[in-house]
C-alpha cells in the first residue's frame, strides 16, 4: 500500500475515532502525517514538500526552511540568527522527531509564522512531513 493511501486511511480513522491527532501527546511520524492528510483532504506530495522546504519564503527574514534546518535535513542544522545547533529534522536521522503531535503543531506554527509569514496549511505540513519521512541518513 502506498504511503499516501496508508496515511489517508489511518488519518481518517484517527480523526474519526478521537478527533484531531494534534490533541494527542505521543504519536509516530506516520500518524501525524495521516492526521495532516486527513485535515487537508488530499494526498501528501513529497515532491511538493521538498520544493516548499527549500523555497525562499516571503516571511520577515527571507528564509526558507532549509536556511536553518540545512538543505539536507538528515544532518544537523544551525539557526541563522542565533547559531544554535538544530538536531536533524528527518525522522530516520533523529527518531525523536515528529513523535509528539502537540509539539509538532507548535513548532509548525512558530516556524511557519517566522519563515512563511503565516501559519502553514494542513496540505503544506503534510507535504513537508511526507518528504522528511522519505529521507534516509
C-alpha atoms as a PDB file:
ATOM      1  CA  UNK A   1       0.000   0.000   0.000  1.00  0.00           C
ATOM      2  CA  UNK A   2       1.339   3.426  -0.884  1.00  0.00           C
ATOM      3  CA  UNK A   3       2.352   5.726   1.975  1.00  0.00           C
ATOM      4  CA  UNK A   4      -0.202   8.337   0.890  1.00  0.00           C
ATOM      5  CA  UNK A   5      -3.039   5.776   0.873  1.00  0.00           C
ATOM      6  CA  UNK A   6      -1.997   4.401   4.242  1.00  0.00           C
ATOM      7  CA  UNK A   7      -1.713   7.911   5.668  1.00  0.00           C
ATOM      8  CA  UNK A   8      -5.178   8.837   4.398  1.00  0.00           C
ATOM      9  CA  UNK A   9      -6.769   5.684   5.867  1.00  0.00           C
ATOM     10  CA  UNK A  10      -5.022   5.901   9.239  1.00  0.00           C
ATOM     11  CA  UNK A  11      -5.620   9.637   9.425  1.00  0.00           C
ATOM     12  CA  UNK A  12      -9.317   9.272   8.722  1.00  0.00           C
ATOM     13  CA  UNK A  13      -9.596   6.580  11.387  1.00  0.00           C
ATOM     14  CA  UNK A  14      -7.705   8.656  13.949  1.00  0.00           C
ATOM     15  CA  UNK A  15      -9.650  11.830  13.266  1.00  0.00           C
ATOM     16  CA  UNK A  16     -12.957   9.959  13.277  1.00  0.00           C
ATOM     17  CA  UNK A  17     -12.198   7.924  16.399  1.00  0.00           C
ATOM     18  CA  UNK A  18     -10.563  10.531  18.579  1.00  0.00           C
ATOM     19  CA  UNK A  19     -10.813  13.940  16.985  1.00  0.00           C
ATOM     20  CA  UNK A  20      -7.743  15.648  15.508  1.00  0.00           C
ATOM     21  CA  UNK A  21      -4.463  13.948  16.326  1.00  0.00           C
ATOM     22  CA  UNK A  22      -2.960  17.258  17.428  1.00  0.00           C
ATOM     23  CA  UNK A  23      -4.625  16.773  20.819  1.00  0.00           C
ATOM     24  CA  UNK A  24      -2.640  13.569  21.436  1.00  0.00           C
ATOM     25  CA  UNK A  25       0.735  13.653  23.109  1.00  0.00           C
ATOM     26  CA  UNK A  26       2.599  10.623  21.710  1.00  0.00           C
ATOM     27  CA  UNK A  27       2.459   9.562  18.099  1.00  0.00           C
ATOM     28  CA  UNK A  28       4.538   8.321  15.216  1.00  0.00           C
ATOM     29  CA  UNK A  29       5.564  10.414  12.216  1.00  0.00           C
ATOM     30  CA  UNK A  30       3.194   8.321  10.071  1.00  0.00           C
ATOM     31  CA  UNK A  31       0.267   9.036  12.409  1.00  0.00           C
ATOM     32  CA  UNK A  32       0.976  12.760  12.398  1.00  0.00           C
ATOM     33  CA  UNK A  33       1.261  12.692   8.602  1.00  0.00           C
ATOM     34  CA  UNK A  34      -2.025  10.787   8.404  1.00  0.00           C
ATOM     35  CA  UNK A  35      -3.771  13.432  10.501  1.00  0.00           C
ATOM     36  CA  UNK A  36      -2.492  16.258   8.275  1.00  0.00           C
ATOM     37  CA  UNK A  37      -3.523  14.342   5.143  1.00  0.00           C
ATOM     38  CA  UNK A  38      -7.000  13.846   6.617  1.00  0.00           C
ATOM     39  CA  UNK A  39      -7.238  17.547   7.530  1.00  0.00           C
ATOM     40  CA  UNK A  40      -6.065  18.556   4.044  1.00  0.00           C
ATOM     41  CA  UNK A  41      -8.448  16.163   2.319  1.00  0.00           C
ATOM     42  CA  UNK A  42      -5.808  15.321  -0.280  1.00  0.00           C
ATOM     43  CA  UNK A  43      -2.758  13.065  -0.526  1.00  0.00           C
ATOM     44  CA  UNK A  44       0.612  14.414   0.541  1.00  0.00           C
ATOM     45  CA  UNK A  45       3.278  15.086  -2.072  1.00  0.00           C
ATOM     46  CA  UNK A  46       6.896  14.548  -1.033  1.00  0.00           C
ATOM     47  CA  UNK A  47       7.982  16.443  -4.163  1.00  0.00           C
ATOM     48  CA  UNK A  48       5.905  19.479  -3.185  1.00  0.00           C
ATOM     49  CA  UNK A  49       7.227  19.160   0.364  1.00  0.00           C
ATOM     50  CA  UNK A  50      10.838  19.352  -0.814  1.00  0.00           C
ATOM     51  CA  UNK A  51      10.046  22.353  -3.021  1.00  0.00           C
ATOM     52  CA  UNK A  52       8.289  24.131  -0.150  1.00  0.00           C
ATOM     53  CA  UNK A  53      11.124  23.320   2.281  1.00  0.00           C
ATOM     54  CA  UNK A  54      13.849  24.735   0.044  1.00  0.00           C
ATOM     55  CA  UNK A  55      11.988  27.728  -1.436  1.00  0.00           C
ATOM     56  CA  UNK A  56      12.784  31.180  -0.061  1.00  0.00           C
ATOM     57  CA  UNK A  57       9.548  32.418   1.501  1.00  0.00           C
ATOM     58  CA  UNK A  58       8.029  35.883   1.888  1.00  0.00           C
ATOM     59  CA  UNK A  59       8.305  35.936   5.685  1.00  0.00           C
ATOM     60  CA  UNK A  60      10.098  38.561   7.734  1.00  0.00           C
ATOM     61  CA  UNK A  61      13.616  37.241   7.175  1.00  0.00           C
ATOM     62  CA  UNK A  62      13.524  35.992   3.575  1.00  0.00           C
ATOM     63  CA  UNK A  63      14.351  32.472   4.767  1.00  0.00           C
ATOM     64  CA  UNK A  64      13.497  29.011   3.584  1.00  0.00           C
ATOM     65  CA  UNK A  65      13.065  26.098   5.989  1.00  0.00           C
ATOM     66  CA  UNK A  66      16.476  24.925   4.800  1.00  0.00           C
ATOM     67  CA  UNK A  67      18.083  28.192   5.940  1.00  0.00           C
ATOM     68  CA  UNK A  68      18.224  26.800   9.477  1.00  0.00           C
ATOM     69  CA  UNK A  69      17.491  23.091   9.049  1.00  0.00           C
ATOM     70  CA  UNK A  70      20.001  22.772   6.213  1.00  0.00           C
ATOM     71  CA  UNK A  71      19.477  21.636   2.627  1.00  0.00           C
ATOM     72  CA  UNK A  72      19.872  18.019   3.779  1.00  0.00           C
ATOM     73  CA  UNK A  73      17.652  17.618   6.865  1.00  0.00           C
ATOM     74  CA  UNK A  74      19.272  14.285   7.708  1.00  0.00           C
ATOM     75  CA  UNK A  75      22.199  16.352   9.022  1.00  0.00           C
ATOM     76  CA  UNK A  76      22.394  18.875  11.856  1.00  0.00           C
ATOM     77  CA  UNK A  77      21.280  22.416  11.016  1.00  0.00           C
ATOM     78  CA  UNK A  78      22.118  25.737  12.616  1.00  0.00           C
ATOM     79  CA  UNK A  79      19.764  28.597  13.459  1.00  0.00           C
ATOM     80  CA  UNK A  80      20.519  31.508  11.135  1.00  0.00           C
ATOM     81  CA  UNK A  81      20.316  34.235  13.799  1.00  0.00           C
ATOM     82  CA  UNK A  82      21.471  32.527  16.991  1.00  0.00           C
ATOM     83  CA  UNK A  83      23.884  29.952  15.580  1.00  0.00           C
ATOM     84  CA  UNK A  84      22.286  27.352  17.857  1.00  0.00           C
ATOM     85  CA  UNK A  85      22.652  23.795  16.508  1.00  0.00           C
ATOM     86  CA  UNK A  86      19.436  22.121  15.389  1.00  0.00           C
ATOM     87  CA  UNK A  87      19.168  18.322  15.505  1.00  0.00           C
ATOM     88  CA  UNK A  88      18.391  16.593  12.197  1.00  0.00           C
ATOM     89  CA  UNK A  89      14.785  17.083  11.126  1.00  0.00           C
ATOM     90  CA  UNK A  90      14.268  13.833   9.195  1.00  0.00           C
ATOM     91  CA  UNK A  91      12.817  11.104  11.446  1.00  0.00           C
ATOM     92  CA  UNK A  92      15.206   8.467  10.057  1.00  0.00           C
ATOM     93  CA  UNK A  93      18.168  10.545  11.273  1.00  0.00           C
ATOM     94  CA  UNK A  94      16.508  11.650  14.517  1.00  0.00           C
ATOM     95  CA  UNK A  95      13.914   9.190  15.898  1.00  0.00           C
ATOM     96  CA  UNK A  96      12.626  11.804  18.373  1.00  0.00           C
ATOM     97  CA  UNK A  97      11.276  13.988  15.548  1.00  0.00           C
ATOM     98  CA  UNK A  98       7.535  14.023  14.930  1.00  0.00           C
ATOM     99  CA  UNK A  99       6.603  11.861  17.934  1.00  0.00           C
ATOM    100  CA  UNK A 100       4.532  14.407  19.862  1.00  0.00           C
ATOM    101  CA  UNK A 101       1.649  15.815  17.830  1.00  0.00           C
ATOM    102  CA  UNK A 102       1.059  18.807  20.079  1.00  0.00           C
ATOM    103  CA  UNK A 103       4.725  19.783  19.960  1.00  0.00           C
ATOM    104  CA  UNK A 104       4.864  19.262  16.183  1.00  0.00           C
ATOM    105  CA  UNK A 105       1.908  21.573  15.713  1.00  0.00           C
ATOM    106  CA  UNK A 106       3.507  24.204  17.932  1.00  0.00           C
ATOM    107  CA  UNK A 107       6.780  24.101  16.003  1.00  0.00           C
ATOM    108  CA  UNK A 108       4.955  24.272  12.663  1.00  0.00           C
ATOM    109  CA  UNK A 109       3.043  27.322  13.946  1.00  0.00           C
ATOM    110  CA  UNK A 110       6.210  29.080  15.132  1.00  0.00           C
ATOM    111  CA  UNK A 111       8.386  28.228  12.152  1.00  0.00           C
ATOM    112  CA  UNK A 112       5.730  28.888   9.522  1.00  0.00           C
ATOM    113  CA  UNK A 113       4.988  32.269  11.055  1.00  0.00           C
ATOM    114  CA  UNK A 114       8.701  33.175  11.064  1.00  0.00           C
ATOM    115  CA  UNK A 115       9.583  31.730   7.659  1.00  0.00           C
ATOM    116  CA  UNK A 116       6.390  31.933   5.596  1.00  0.00           C
ATOM    117  CA  UNK A 117       4.799  34.892   7.360  1.00  0.00           C
ATOM    118  CA  UNK A 118       1.619  32.936   8.147  1.00  0.00           C
ATOM    119  CA  UNK A 119       0.527  29.590   9.514  1.00  0.00           C
ATOM    120  CA  UNK A 120       1.112  26.725   7.117  1.00  0.00           C
ATOM    121  CA  UNK A 121      -1.859  24.853   5.723  1.00  0.00           C
ATOM    122  CA  UNK A 122      -2.523  21.211   6.559  1.00  0.00           C
ATOM    123  CA  UNK A 123      -1.525  20.393   2.963  1.00  0.00           C
ATOM    124  CA  UNK A 124       1.826  22.160   3.320  1.00  0.00           C
ATOM    125  CA  UNK A 125       2.502  20.364   6.611  1.00  0.00           C
ATOM    126  CA  UNK A 126       1.558  17.012   5.065  1.00  0.00           C
ATOM    127  CA  UNK A 127       3.764  17.624   2.030  1.00  0.00           C
ATOM    128  CA  UNK A 128       6.817  18.634   4.073  1.00  0.00           C
ATOM    129  CA  UNK A 129       6.372  15.782   6.537  1.00  0.00           C
ATOM    130  CA  UNK A 130       5.884  13.313   3.670  1.00  0.00           C
ATOM    131  CA  UNK A 131       9.212  14.414   2.188  1.00  0.00           C
ATOM    132  CA  UNK A 132      11.012  14.315   5.543  1.00  0.00           C
ATOM    133  CA  UNK A 133       9.731  10.806   6.228  1.00  0.00           C
ATOM    134  CA  UNK A 134      11.036   9.659   2.845  1.00  0.00           C
ATOM    135  CA  UNK A 135      14.628  10.754   3.609  1.00  0.00           C
ATOM    136  CA  UNK A 136      17.262   8.287   4.776  1.00  0.00           C
ATOM    137  CA  UNK A 137      20.561   9.154   6.507  1.00  0.00           C
END
